[in-house]
PDB file of N, CA and C in Angstrom:
ATOM      1  N   MET A   1       0.515   0.209   1.960  1.00  0.00           N
ATOM      2  CA  MET A   1      -0.350  -0.062   1.396  1.00  0.00           C
ATOM      3  C   MET A   1       0.159  -2.165   1.020  1.00  0.00           C
ATOM      4  N   GLY A   2       0.986  -1.998   3.095  1.00  0.00           N
ATOM      5  CA  GLY A   2       1.607  -3.257   3.377  1.00  0.00           C
ATOM      6  C   GLY A   2       0.592  -3.962   4.222  1.00  0.00           C
ATOM      7  N   LEU A   3      -0.477  -3.175   4.513  1.00  0.00           N
ATOM      8  CA  LEU A   3      -1.748  -3.687   4.761  1.00  0.00           C
ATOM      9  C   LEU A   3      -2.163  -4.545   4.308  1.00  0.00           C
ATOM     10  N   ALA A   4      -2.489  -3.745   3.585  1.00  0.00           N
ATOM     11  CA  ALA A   4      -4.793  -3.519   2.939  1.00  0.00           C
ATOM     12  C   ALA A   4      -4.486  -4.894   1.752  1.00  0.00           C
ATOM     13  N   VAL A   5      -2.629  -6.017   1.706  1.00  0.00           N
ATOM     14  CA  VAL A   5      -2.215  -6.880   1.060  1.00  0.00           C
ATOM     15  C   VAL A   5      -2.723  -8.119   2.419  1.00  0.00           C
ATOM     16  N   HIS A   6      -2.265  -7.028   3.419  1.00  0.00           N
ATOM     17  CA  HIS A   6      -2.186  -8.341   4.331  1.00  0.00           C
ATOM     18  C   HIS A   6      -3.539  -8.946   4.756  1.00  0.00           C
ATOM     19  N   GLN A   7      -3.993  -7.749   5.436  1.00  0.00           N
ATOM     20  CA  GLN A   7      -5.728  -8.205   4.766  1.00  0.00           C
ATOM     21  C   GLN A   7      -6.012  -8.860   3.864  1.00  0.00           C
ATOM     22  N   ALA A   8      -6.052  -9.553   2.375  1.00  0.00           N
ATOM     23  CA  ALA A   8      -6.188  -9.397   0.936  1.00  0.00           C
ATOM     24  C   ALA A   8      -6.061 -11.439   1.328  1.00  0.00           C
ATOM     25  N   LEU A   9      -4.726 -11.649   2.335  1.00  0.00           N
ATOM     26  CA  LEU A   9      -3.888 -12.917   1.655  1.00  0.00           C
ATOM     27  C   LEU A   9      -4.548 -13.487   3.175  1.00  0.00           C
ATOM     28  N   GLU A  10      -4.907 -12.651   3.748  1.00  0.00           N
ATOM     29  CA  GLU A  10      -5.329 -13.293   5.076  1.00  0.00           C
ATOM     30  C   GLU A  10      -6.593 -14.000   4.836  1.00  0.00           C
ATOM     31  N   VAL A  11      -7.353 -13.217   4.272  1.00  0.00           N
ATOM     32  CA  VAL A  11      -8.659 -13.798   4.107  1.00  0.00           C
ATOM     33  C   VAL A  11      -8.470 -14.981   3.076  1.00  0.00           C
ATOM     34  N   ASN A  12      -7.848 -15.074   2.193  1.00  0.00           N
ATOM     35  CA  ASN A  12      -8.022 -16.018   1.196  1.00  0.00           C
ATOM     36  C   ASN A  12      -7.386 -17.175   2.722  1.00  0.00           C
ATOM     37  N   PHE A  13      -6.050 -17.567   3.507  1.00  0.00           N
ATOM     38  CA  PHE A  13      -6.156 -18.587   3.533  1.00  0.00           C
ATOM     39  C   PHE A  13      -6.585 -18.629   5.049  1.00  0.00           C
ATOM     40  N   ARG A  14      -7.247 -18.060   5.821  1.00  0.00           N
ATOM     41  CA  ARG A  14      -8.873 -17.932   6.291  1.00  0.00           C
ATOM     42  C   ARG A  14      -9.121 -18.988   5.494  1.00  0.00           C
ATOM     43  N   GLN A  15      -9.875 -18.790   4.548  1.00  0.00           N
ATOM     44  CA  GLN A  15     -10.698 -19.629   3.297  1.00  0.00           C
ATOM     45  C   GLN A  15      -9.893 -21.278   3.957  1.00  0.00           C
ATOM     46  N   LYS A  16      -8.818 -20.772   3.249  1.00  0.00           N
ATOM     47  CA  LYS A  16      -8.815 -21.751   2.016  1.00  0.00           C
ATOM     48  C   LYS A  16      -8.541 -22.951   3.319  1.00  0.00           C
ATOM     49  N   ILE A  17      -8.399 -22.728   4.805  1.00  0.00           N
ATOM     50  CA  ILE A  17      -8.463 -23.416   5.740  1.00  0.00           C
ATOM     51  C   ILE A  17      -9.109 -24.858   5.694  1.00  0.00           C
ATOM     52  N   GLU A  18     -10.848 -24.058   5.504  1.00  0.00           N
ATOM     53  CA  GLU A  18     -11.864 -24.522   5.442  1.00  0.00           C
ATOM     54  C   GLU A  18     -12.135 -25.805   3.814  1.00  0.00           C
ATOM     55  N   THR A  19     -12.267 -24.660   3.067  1.00  0.00           N
ATOM     56  CA  THR A  19     -11.933 -25.400   1.988  1.00  0.00           C
ATOM     57  C   THR A  19     -11.192 -26.001   1.570  1.00  0.00           C
ATOM     58  N   ARG A  20     -10.448 -25.619   1.828  1.00  0.00           N
ATOM     59  CA  ARG A  20      -9.086 -26.437   0.839  1.00  0.00           C
ATOM     60  C   ARG A  20      -8.712 -26.378  -0.315  1.00  0.00           C
ATOM     61  N   GLU A  21      -8.957 -24.382  -0.591  1.00  0.00           N
ATOM     62  CA  GLU A  21      -8.691 -24.361  -1.648  1.00  0.00           C
ATOM     63  C   GLU A  21      -9.027 -22.856  -1.856  1.00  0.00           C
ATOM     64  N   ASP A  22      -8.245 -21.575  -2.591  1.00  0.00           N
ATOM     65  CA  ASP A  22      -8.057 -20.698  -2.346  1.00  0.00           C
ATOM     66  C   ASP A  22      -9.011 -19.738  -3.040  1.00  0.00           C
ATOM     67  N   LEU A  23      -9.559 -18.625  -2.902  1.00  0.00           N
ATOM     68  CA  LEU A  23     -10.181 -18.036  -3.639  1.00  0.00           C
ATOM     69  C   LEU A  23      -9.802 -17.741  -5.096  1.00  0.00           C
ATOM     70  N   GLU A  24     -10.886 -16.949  -5.529  1.00  0.00           N
ATOM     71  CA  GLU A  24     -10.749 -16.734  -6.433  1.00  0.00           C
ATOM     72  C   GLU A  24      -9.971 -15.551  -6.763  1.00  0.00           C
ATOM     73  N   THR A  25      -9.011 -15.477  -7.673  1.00  0.00           N
ATOM     74  CA  THR A  25      -7.849 -13.438  -7.916  1.00  0.00           C
ATOM     75  C   THR A  25      -9.212 -12.997  -7.583  1.00  0.00           C
ATOM     76  N   THR A  26      -9.470 -12.277  -8.374  1.00  0.00           N
ATOM     77  CA  THR A  26     -10.458 -11.065  -8.758  1.00  0.00           C
ATOM     78  C   THR A  26     -11.277 -10.461  -7.179  1.00  0.00           C
ATOM     79  N   GLY A  27     -11.947 -11.630  -6.493  1.00  0.00           N
ATOM     80  CA  GLY A  27     -12.268 -12.016  -4.750  1.00  0.00           C
ATOM     81  C   GLY A  27     -10.975 -11.448  -4.150  1.00  0.00           C
ATOM     82  N   VAL A  28     -10.337 -12.204  -3.665  1.00  0.00           N
ATOM     83  CA  VAL A  28      -8.550 -11.660  -3.326  1.00  0.00           C
ATOM     84  C   VAL A  28      -8.779 -10.371  -3.737  1.00  0.00           C
ATOM     85  N   LEU A  29      -8.689 -10.102  -4.884  1.00  0.00           N
ATOM     86  CA  LEU A  29      -8.561  -8.360  -5.762  1.00  0.00           C
ATOM     87  C   LEU A  29      -9.831  -7.557  -4.677  1.00  0.00           C
ATOM     88  N   CYS A  30     -11.007  -8.494  -5.039  1.00  0.00           N
ATOM     89  CA  CYS A  30     -12.119  -6.853  -4.389  1.00  0.00           C
ATOM     90  C   CYS A  30     -11.961  -6.617  -3.093  1.00  0.00           C
ATOM     91  N   VAL A  31     -11.025  -7.561  -2.061  1.00  0.00           N
ATOM     92  CA  VAL A  31     -10.492  -7.411  -0.447  1.00  0.00           C
ATOM     93  C   VAL A  31      -9.803  -6.409  -0.005  1.00  0.00           C
ATOM     94  N   PHE A  32      -8.750  -6.287  -0.707  1.00  0.00           N
ATOM     95  CA  PHE A  32      -7.081  -5.787  -0.719  1.00  0.00           C
ATOM     96  C   PHE A  32      -7.758  -4.041  -1.394  1.00  0.00           C
ATOM     97  N   ARG A  33      -8.985  -4.178  -2.420  1.00  0.00           N
ATOM     98  CA  ARG A  33      -9.130  -2.676  -2.684  1.00  0.00           C
ATOM     99  C   ARG A  33      -9.991  -2.567  -1.216  1.00  0.00           C
ATOM    100  N   GLU A  34     -10.730  -3.187  -1.066  1.00  0.00           N
ATOM    101  CA  GLU A  34     -11.496  -2.197   0.290  1.00  0.00           C
ATOM    102  C   GLU A  34     -10.513  -2.223   1.445  1.00  0.00           C
ATOM    103  N   ALA A  35      -9.782  -2.965   1.363  1.00  0.00           N
ATOM    104  CA  ALA A  35      -8.611  -2.556   2.939  1.00  0.00           C
ATOM    105  C   ALA A  35      -8.190  -1.421   1.975  1.00  0.00           C
ATOM    106  N   TRP A  36      -8.266  -0.932   1.447  1.00  0.00           N
ATOM    107  CA  TRP A  36      -6.639   0.572   0.466  1.00  0.00           C
ATOM    108  C   TRP A  36      -7.846   0.567   0.946  1.00  0.00           C
ATOM    109  N   MET A  37      -9.074   0.984   0.671  1.00  0.00           N
ATOM    110  CA  MET A  37      -9.991   2.320   0.601  1.00  0.00           C
ATOM    111  C   MET A  37     -10.600   2.883   1.978  1.00  0.00           C
ATOM    112  N   GLU A  38      -9.938   1.333   3.340  1.00  0.00           N
ATOM    113  CA  GLU A  38     -10.458   1.911   4.121  1.00  0.00           C
ATOM    114  C   GLU A  38      -9.221   2.746   4.673  1.00  0.00           C
ATOM    115  N   GLN A  39      -7.823   1.944   5.022  1.00  0.00           N
ATOM    116  CA  GLN A  39      -6.498   2.653   5.056  1.00  0.00           C
ATOM    117  C   GLN A  39      -6.307   4.104   4.006  1.00  0.00           C
ATOM    118  N   VAL A  40      -6.757   4.836   3.622  1.00  0.00           N
ATOM    119  CA  VAL A  40      -6.498   5.582   2.866  1.00  0.00           C
ATOM    120  C   VAL A  40      -6.641   6.892   3.063  1.00  0.00           C
ATOM    121  N   PRO A  41      -7.795   6.895   3.676  1.00  0.00           N
ATOM    122  CA  PRO A  41      -7.646   8.521   4.692  1.00  0.00           C
ATOM    123  C   PRO A  41      -6.821   8.556   6.095  1.00  0.00           C
ATOM    124  N   GLU A  42      -6.579   7.513   5.671  1.00  0.00           N
ATOM    125  CA  GLU A  42      -5.744   7.021   7.899  1.00  0.00           C
ATOM    126  C   GLU A  42      -4.405   7.870   6.896  1.00  0.00           C
ATOM    127  N   THR A  43      -3.444   7.694   5.978  1.00  0.00           N
ATOM    128  CA  THR A  43      -2.641   7.118   5.152  1.00  0.00           C
ATOM    129  C   THR A  43      -1.477   9.132   4.883  1.00  0.00           C
ATOM    130  N   GLU A  44      -0.118   9.215   5.723  1.00  0.00           N
ATOM    131  CA  GLU A  44       0.294  10.613   4.321  1.00  0.00           C
ATOM    132  C   GLU A  44       0.504  10.342   3.662  1.00  0.00           C
ATOM    133  N   PHE A  45       0.987   9.718   2.311  1.00  0.00           N
ATOM    134  CA  PHE A  45       2.152   9.735   1.745  1.00  0.00           C
ATOM    135  C   PHE A  45       2.635  11.105   1.381  1.00  0.00           C
ATOM    136  N   THR A  46       3.622  10.853   0.643  1.00  0.00           N
ATOM    137  CA  THR A  46       4.860  12.033   1.187  1.00  0.00           C
ATOM    138  C   THR A  46       4.500  11.745  -0.627  1.00  0.00           C
ATOM    139  N   ALA A  47       5.247  13.482  -0.909  1.00  0.00           N
ATOM    140  CA  ALA A  47       5.751  14.255  -2.491  1.00  0.00           C
ATOM    141  C   ALA A  47       5.470  13.028  -4.600  1.00  0.00           C
ATOM    142  N   ASP A  48       6.577  12.127  -3.394  1.00  0.00           N
ATOM    143  CA  ASP A  48       6.950  11.568  -4.175  1.00  0.00           C
ATOM    144  C   ASP A  48       6.611  10.391  -4.647  1.00  0.00           C
ATOM    145  N   GLU A  49       5.136  10.500  -3.839  1.00  0.00           N
ATOM    146  CA  GLU A  49       3.739   8.501  -3.987  1.00  0.00           C
ATOM    147  C   GLU A  49       3.194   9.493  -4.719  1.00  0.00           C
ATOM    148  N   SER A  50       2.288   8.379  -5.202  1.00  0.00           N
ATOM    149  CA  SER A  50       1.135   8.596  -5.688  1.00  0.00           C
ATOM    150  C   SER A  50       0.513   7.337  -5.203  1.00  0.00           C
ATOM    151  N   GLN A  51      -0.995   7.924  -4.824  1.00  0.00           N
ATOM    152  CA  GLN A  51      -1.914   6.913  -4.446  1.00  0.00           C
ATOM    153  C   GLN A  51      -2.042   5.913  -5.455  1.00  0.00           C
ATOM    154  N   GLY A  52      -1.823   6.288  -6.908  1.00  0.00           N
ATOM    155  CA  GLY A  52      -2.509   5.093  -7.890  1.00  0.00           C
ATOM    156  C   GLY A  52      -1.967   4.527  -8.429  1.00  0.00           C
ATOM    157  N   ASP A  53      -0.714   4.691  -8.310  1.00  0.00           N
ATOM    158  CA  ASP A  53      -0.078   3.797  -8.313  1.00  0.00           C
ATOM    159  C   ASP A  53       0.667   2.894  -7.172  1.00  0.00           C
ATOM    160  N   LEU A  54       0.763   3.079  -5.781  1.00  0.00           N
ATOM    161  CA  LEU A  54       0.784   2.460  -4.838  1.00  0.00           C
ATOM    162  C   LEU A  54      -0.196   1.425  -5.315  1.00  0.00           C
ATOM    163  N   ARG A  55      -1.583   1.723  -5.800  1.00  0.00           N
ATOM    164  CA  ARG A  55      -2.572   1.333  -5.209  1.00  0.00           C
ATOM    165  C   ARG A  55      -2.636  -0.251  -6.627  1.00  0.00           C
ATOM    166  N   ARG A  56      -1.867   0.308  -7.061  1.00  0.00           N
ATOM    167  CA  ARG A  56      -2.356  -0.587  -8.334  1.00  0.00           C
ATOM    168  C   ARG A  56      -0.674  -1.988  -8.440  1.00  0.00           C
ATOM    169  N   MET A  57       0.381  -1.302  -7.675  1.00  0.00           N
ATOM    170  CA  MET A  57       1.473  -2.274  -7.050  1.00  0.00           C
ATOM    171  C   MET A  57       1.293  -3.258  -6.530  1.00  0.00           C
ATOM    172  N   GLY A  58       0.374  -2.879  -5.046  1.00  0.00           N
ATOM    173  CA  GLY A  58      -1.040  -3.676  -4.539  1.00  0.00           C
ATOM    174  C   GLY A  58      -1.325  -4.542  -4.966  1.00  0.00           C
ATOM    175  N   GLU A  59      -2.614  -3.559  -6.105  1.00  0.00           N
ATOM    176  CA  GLU A  59      -3.281  -5.047  -6.918  1.00  0.00           C
ATOM    177  C   GLU A  59      -2.293  -6.132  -7.906  1.00  0.00           C
ATOM    178  N   ARG A  60      -0.920  -6.020  -8.254  1.00  0.00           N
ATOM    179  CA  ARG A  60      -0.100  -6.675  -8.683  1.00  0.00           C
ATOM    180  C   ARG A  60       0.208  -7.517  -7.880  1.00  0.00           C
ATOM    181  N   LEU A  61       1.208  -7.383  -6.333  1.00  0.00           N
ATOM    182  CA  LEU A  61       0.887  -8.385  -5.903  1.00  0.00           C
ATOM    183  C   LEU A  61       0.591  -9.073  -4.859  1.00  0.00           C
ATOM    184  N   VAL A  62      -0.741  -9.377  -4.714  1.00  0.00           N
ATOM    185  CA  VAL A  62      -1.896  -9.281  -4.219  1.00  0.00           C
ATOM    186  C   VAL A  62      -1.792 -10.486  -5.470  1.00  0.00           C
ATOM    187  N   ALA A  63      -1.533 -10.647  -7.032  1.00  0.00           N
ATOM    188  CA  ALA A  63      -2.383 -10.652  -8.181  1.00  0.00           C
ATOM    189  C   ALA A  63      -1.469 -12.433  -8.526  1.00  0.00           C
ATOM    190  N   LYS A  64      -0.228 -11.874  -7.695  1.00  0.00           N
ATOM    191  CA  LYS A  64       1.061 -12.143  -8.413  1.00  0.00           C
ATOM    192  C   LYS A  64       0.834 -13.281  -7.863  1.00  0.00           C
ATOM    193  N   TYR A  65       1.005 -13.088  -6.259  1.00  0.00           N
ATOM    194  CA  TYR A  65       0.969 -13.605  -5.075  1.00  0.00           C
ATOM    195  C   TYR A  65       0.059 -15.322  -5.644  1.00  0.00           C
ATOM    196  N   MET A  66      -0.973 -14.063  -5.832  1.00  0.00           N
ATOM    197  CA  MET A  66      -2.433 -16.191  -5.681  1.00  0.00           C
ATOM    198  C   MET A  66      -2.513 -16.144  -6.612  1.00  0.00           C
ATOM    199  N   ASP A  67      -1.825 -16.338  -8.332  1.00  0.00           N
ATOM    200  CA  ASP A  67      -1.346 -16.413  -8.808  1.00  0.00           C
ATOM    201  C   ASP A  67       0.402 -18.465  -8.613  1.00  0.00           C
ATOM    202  N   GLU A  68       1.487 -17.216  -8.060  1.00  0.00           N
ATOM    203  CA  GLU A  68       2.353 -18.001  -8.240  1.00  0.00           C
ATOM    204  C   GLU A  68       2.863 -18.583  -6.464  1.00  0.00           C
ATOM    205  N   VAL A  69       1.998 -17.772  -5.798  1.00  0.00           N
ATOM    206  CA  VAL A  69       2.846 -18.649  -4.240  1.00  0.00           C
ATOM    207  C   VAL A  69       1.301 -19.392  -3.643  1.00  0.00           C
ATOM    208  N   ALA A  70       0.091 -18.905  -3.558  1.00  0.00           N
ATOM    209  CA  ALA A  70      -0.867 -19.398  -2.791  1.00  0.00           C
ATOM    210  C   ALA A  70      -0.945 -20.829  -3.285  1.00  0.00           C
ATOM    211  N   PRO A  71      -1.370 -20.930  -4.654  1.00  0.00           N
ATOM    212  CA  PRO A  71      -1.434 -22.826  -4.944  1.00  0.00           C
ATOM    213  C   PRO A  71      -0.530 -23.957  -3.903  1.00  0.00           C
ATOM    214  N   LYS A  72       0.507 -23.329  -3.473  1.00  0.00           N
ATOM    215  CA  LYS A  72       1.087 -23.866  -3.355  1.00  0.00           C
ATOM    216  C   LYS A  72       1.858 -24.061  -1.528  1.00  0.00           C
ATOM    217  N   VAL A  73       0.624 -23.622  -0.972  1.00  0.00           N
ATOM    218  CA  VAL A  73       0.668 -23.257   0.295  1.00  0.00           C
ATOM    219  C   VAL A  73      -1.180 -23.843   0.922  1.00  0.00           C
ATOM    220  N   GLU A  74      -0.585 -24.858   1.883  1.00  0.00           N
ATOM    221  CA  GLU A  74      -1.324 -25.442   2.377  1.00  0.00           C
ATOM    222  C   GLU A  74      -1.292 -25.271   4.233  1.00  0.00           C
ATOM    223  N   PRO A  75      -2.783 -24.273   4.338  1.00  0.00           N
ATOM    224  CA  PRO A  75      -2.231 -23.488   6.062  1.00  0.00           C
ATOM    225  C   PRO A  75      -2.228 -24.049   6.802  1.00  0.00           C
ATOM    226  N   ALA A  76      -2.260 -24.213   8.395  1.00  0.00           N
ATOM    227  CA  ALA A  76      -2.838 -24.717   9.466  1.00  0.00           C
ATOM    228  C   ALA A  76      -3.125 -23.758  10.151  1.00  0.00           C
ATOM    229  N   ALA A  77      -3.039 -23.001   9.986  1.00  0.00           N
ATOM    230  CA  ALA A  77      -3.241 -21.797  11.500  1.00  0.00           C
ATOM    231  C   ALA A  77      -2.976 -20.886  10.483  1.00  0.00           C
ATOM    232  N   VAL A  78      -3.671 -19.190  10.667  1.00  0.00           N
ATOM    233  CA  VAL A  78      -3.528 -18.107  10.203  1.00  0.00           C
ATOM    234  C   VAL A  78      -3.478 -17.355  11.314  1.00  0.00           C
ATOM    235  N   GLU A  79      -2.649 -16.026  11.075  1.00  0.00           N
ATOM    236  CA  GLU A  79      -2.740 -14.849  12.576  1.00  0.00           C
ATOM    237  C   GLU A  79      -2.123 -15.765  13.701  1.00  0.00           C
ATOM    238  N   LEU A  80      -1.383 -17.124  13.535  1.00  0.00           N
ATOM    239  CA  LEU A  80      -1.091 -17.004  15.170  1.00  0.00           C
ATOM    240  C   LEU A  80      -0.279 -16.616  16.223  1.00  0.00           C
ATOM    241  N   ASP A  81      -0.517 -15.802  17.139  1.00  0.00           N
ATOM    242  CA  ASP A  81      -0.399 -15.623  17.949  1.00  0.00           C
ATOM    243  C   ASP A  81       0.862 -17.368  18.928  1.00  0.00           C
ATOM    244  N   VAL A  82       2.097 -17.036  19.406  1.00  0.00           N
ATOM    245  CA  VAL A  82       2.694 -16.688  19.472  1.00  0.00           C
ATOM    246  C   VAL A  82       4.066 -16.782  20.032  1.00  0.00           C
ATOM    247  N   HIS A  83       4.473 -16.628  21.361  1.00  0.00           N
ATOM    248  CA  HIS A  83       5.059 -16.374  23.004  1.00  0.00           C
ATOM    249  C   HIS A  83       6.083 -17.679  23.564  1.00  0.00           C
ATOM    250  N   GLY A  84       8.055 -17.078  23.992  1.00  0.00           N
ATOM    251  CA  GLY A  84       8.605 -18.123  23.933  1.00  0.00           C
ATOM    252  C   GLY A  84       9.348 -17.448  24.574  1.00  0.00           C
ATOM    253  N   GLU A  85      10.535 -18.036  25.306  1.00  0.00           N
ATOM    254  CA  GLU A  85      11.816 -17.413  25.838  1.00  0.00           C
ATOM    255  C   GLU A  85      12.917 -17.672  25.170  1.00  0.00           C
ATOM    256  N   ILE A  86      13.775 -16.223  24.494  1.00  0.00           N
ATOM    257  CA  ILE A  86      15.108 -16.577  23.649  1.00  0.00           C
ATOM    258  C   ILE A  86      16.433 -15.835  24.905  1.00  0.00           C
ATOM    259  N   SER A  87      17.550 -16.970  25.175  1.00  0.00           N
ATOM    260  CA  SER A  87      18.100 -16.365  25.831  1.00  0.00           C
ATOM    261  C   SER A  87      17.543 -15.935  26.930  1.00  0.00           C
ATOM    262  N   SER A  88      16.553 -15.688  27.552  1.00  0.00           N
ATOM    263  CA  SER A  88      15.420 -15.619  29.077  1.00  0.00           C
ATOM    264  C   SER A  88      15.156 -14.094  28.813  1.00  0.00           C
ATOM    265  N   VAL A  89      14.962 -13.972  27.614  1.00  0.00           N
ATOM    266  CA  VAL A  89      13.906 -12.504  27.481  1.00  0.00           C
ATOM    267  C   VAL A  89      12.650 -13.263  26.786  1.00  0.00           C
ATOM    268  N   SER A  90      11.378 -12.709  27.330  1.00  0.00           N
ATOM    269  CA  SER A  90      10.379 -13.198  26.465  1.00  0.00           C
ATOM    270  C   SER A  90       9.592 -12.575  25.045  1.00  0.00           C
ATOM    271  N   VAL A  91       9.568 -13.504  24.468  1.00  0.00           N
ATOM    272  CA  VAL A  91       9.460 -12.397  23.257  1.00  0.00           C
ATOM    273  C   VAL A  91       7.920 -12.942  23.121  1.00  0.00           C
ATOM    274  N   ARG A  92       7.167 -12.198  21.671  1.00  0.00           N
ATOM    275  CA  ARG A  92       5.620 -13.041  21.424  1.00  0.00           C
ATOM    276  C   ARG A  92       5.923 -12.017  20.105  1.00  0.00           C
ATOM    277  N   GLY A  93       5.089 -12.928  20.001  1.00  0.00           N
ATOM    278  CA  GLY A  93       4.765 -12.713  18.310  1.00  0.00           C
ATOM    279  C   GLY A  93       3.510 -12.935  17.461  1.00  0.00           C
ATOM    280  N   ARG A  94       3.391 -12.525  16.137  1.00  0.00           N
ATOM    281  CA  ARG A  94       2.403 -13.263  16.235  1.00  0.00           C
ATOM    282  C   ARG A  94       2.983 -14.207  13.794  1.00  0.00           C
ATOM    283  N   VAL A  95       1.826 -15.028  14.171  1.00  0.00           N
ATOM    284  CA  VAL A  95       2.545 -15.433  13.086  1.00  0.00           C
ATOM    285  C   VAL A  95       1.280 -15.650  11.702  1.00  0.00           C
ATOM    286  N   ASP A  96       1.957 -15.226  10.181  1.00  0.00           N
ATOM    287  CA  ASP A  96       1.141 -14.156   9.333  1.00  0.00           C
ATOM    288  C   ASP A  96      -0.460 -15.751   8.701  1.00  0.00           C
ATOM    289  N   VAL A  97       1.013 -16.525   8.539  1.00  0.00           N
ATOM    290  CA  VAL A  97       0.418 -18.441   8.240  1.00  0.00           C
ATOM    291  C   VAL A  97       1.561 -19.447   8.676  1.00  0.00           C
ATOM    292  N   LEU A  98       0.618 -20.376   9.370  1.00  0.00           N
ATOM    293  CA  LEU A  98       1.460 -21.981   9.949  1.00  0.00           C
ATOM    294  C   LEU A  98       1.141 -22.604   8.370  1.00  0.00           C
ATOM    295  N   ASP A  99       2.224 -23.229   8.463  1.00  0.00           N
ATOM    296  CA  ASP A  99       1.290 -24.390   7.139  1.00  0.00           C
ATOM    297  C   ASP A  99       1.250 -25.298   7.685  1.00  0.00           C
ATOM    298  N   VAL A 100       1.488 -26.481   7.635  1.00  0.00           N
ATOM    299  CA  VAL A 100       0.873 -27.890   7.890  1.00  0.00           C
ATOM    300  C   VAL A 100       2.286 -28.776   7.938  1.00  0.00           C
ATOM    301  N   GLU A 101       2.294 -27.659   7.294  1.00  0.00           N
ATOM    302  CA  GLU A 101       3.922 -28.692   7.246  1.00  0.00           C
ATOM    303  C   GLU A 101       5.179 -28.087   8.508  1.00  0.00           C
ATOM    304  N   GLY A 102       4.709 -27.689   9.154  1.00  0.00           N
ATOM    305  CA  GLY A 102       4.861 -26.234  10.187  1.00  0.00           C
ATOM    306  C   GLY A 102       6.355 -25.055   9.442  1.00  0.00           C
ATOM    307  N   ARG A 103       5.633 -25.334   9.003  1.00  0.00           N
ATOM    308  CA  ARG A 103       6.667 -23.596   8.055  1.00  0.00           C
ATOM    309  C   ARG A 103       6.303 -22.509   8.652  1.00  0.00           C
ATOM    310  N   LEU A 104       6.333 -21.406   8.932  1.00  0.00           N
ATOM    311  CA  LEU A 104       5.751 -20.070   9.063  1.00  0.00           C
ATOM    312  C   LEU A 104       6.231 -18.837   7.700  1.00  0.00           C
ATOM    313  N   ILE A 105       5.273 -18.744   7.371  1.00  0.00           N
ATOM    314  CA  ILE A 105       5.406 -17.678   6.650  1.00  0.00           C
ATOM    315  C   ILE A 105       4.554 -16.082   6.850  1.00  0.00           C
ATOM    316  N   ASP A 106       5.877 -15.382   5.920  1.00  0.00           N
ATOM    317  CA  ASP A 106       4.516 -14.159   6.756  1.00  0.00           C
ATOM    318  C   ASP A 106       4.989 -12.997   5.459  1.00  0.00           C
ATOM    319  N   PHE A 107       3.872 -11.894   5.565  1.00  0.00           N
ATOM    320  CA  PHE A 107       3.673 -11.255   3.915  1.00  0.00           C
ATOM    321  C   PHE A 107       4.181  -9.973   4.933  1.00  0.00           C
ATOM    322  N   LYS A 108       5.636 -10.016   3.154  1.00  0.00           N
ATOM    323  CA  LYS A 108       6.268  -8.338   3.353  1.00  0.00           C
ATOM    324  C   LYS A 108       6.112  -7.804   2.468  1.00  0.00           C
ATOM    325  N   THR A 109       5.823  -7.075   2.494  1.00  0.00           N
ATOM    326  CA  THR A 109       6.133  -5.933   1.198  1.00  0.00           C
ATOM    327  C   THR A 109       6.567  -4.720   1.167  1.00  0.00           C
ATOM    328  N   ALA A 110       7.517  -4.412   2.463  1.00  0.00           N
ATOM    329  CA  ALA A 110       9.046  -3.562   2.244  1.00  0.00           C
ATOM    330  C   ALA A 110       9.635  -3.936   0.767  1.00  0.00           C
ATOM    331  N   SER A 111      10.350  -2.513   0.400  1.00  0.00           N
ATOM    332  CA  SER A 111      11.600  -3.272  -0.627  1.00  0.00           C
ATOM    333  C   SER A 111      12.318  -3.158  -0.362  1.00  0.00           C
ATOM    334  N   ARG A 112      13.289  -2.903   1.125  1.00  0.00           N
ATOM    335  CA  ARG A 112      14.337  -3.085   1.721  1.00  0.00           C
ATOM    336  C   ARG A 112      13.601  -3.125   3.606  1.00  0.00           C
ATOM    337  N   ARG A 113      14.969  -3.585   4.621  1.00  0.00           N
ATOM    338  CA  ARG A 113      14.722  -4.035   5.185  1.00  0.00           C
ATOM    339  C   ARG A 113      14.937  -2.768   6.163  1.00  0.00           C
ATOM    340  N   PRO A 114      14.090  -2.669   7.468  1.00  0.00           N
ATOM    341  CA  PRO A 114      14.855  -0.978   8.084  1.00  0.00           C
ATOM    342  C   PRO A 114      16.231  -0.953   8.595  1.00  0.00           C
ATOM    343  N   SER A 115      16.240  -0.299   8.761  1.00  0.00           N
ATOM    344  CA  SER A 115      18.593  -0.032   9.471  1.00  0.00           C
ATOM    345  C   SER A 115      18.406   0.063  10.418  1.00  0.00           C
ATOM    346  N   HIS A 116      17.189  -0.150  11.518  1.00  0.00           N
ATOM    347  CA  HIS A 116      17.741   0.214  13.383  1.00  0.00           C
ATOM    348  C   HIS A 116      16.543  -0.453  13.220  1.00  0.00           C
ATOM    349  N   VAL A 117      16.291  -0.562  14.554  1.00  0.00           N
ATOM    350  CA  VAL A 117      15.283  -1.065  15.342  1.00  0.00           C
ATOM    351  C   VAL A 117      14.829  -0.602  16.026  1.00  0.00           C
TER     352      VAL A 117
END
């Protein structure tokens, strides 16, 4: 679900850089559904997971984000590769969205943090 949510929001913000306007929520939901359908054949669901329930949850997450958060975000960059050094250790990563004020925005759908790395 997380990958499909991420892809839908990415499409919105890439477009918003060009037009300064969000896509219609229904359009972003269509992107989510297409991404979801691409992921389903490669996804192994556990016995206690309902494919339909997860899809509907993803749709609600996308709609809520588009209605409540996306209008407040002014993206400057999307999927920005970053690298640097922390305590003499080279690090690299990818920022989901960098806004015009220099804030980093990361899309997360997990309900809990991993217990270890």
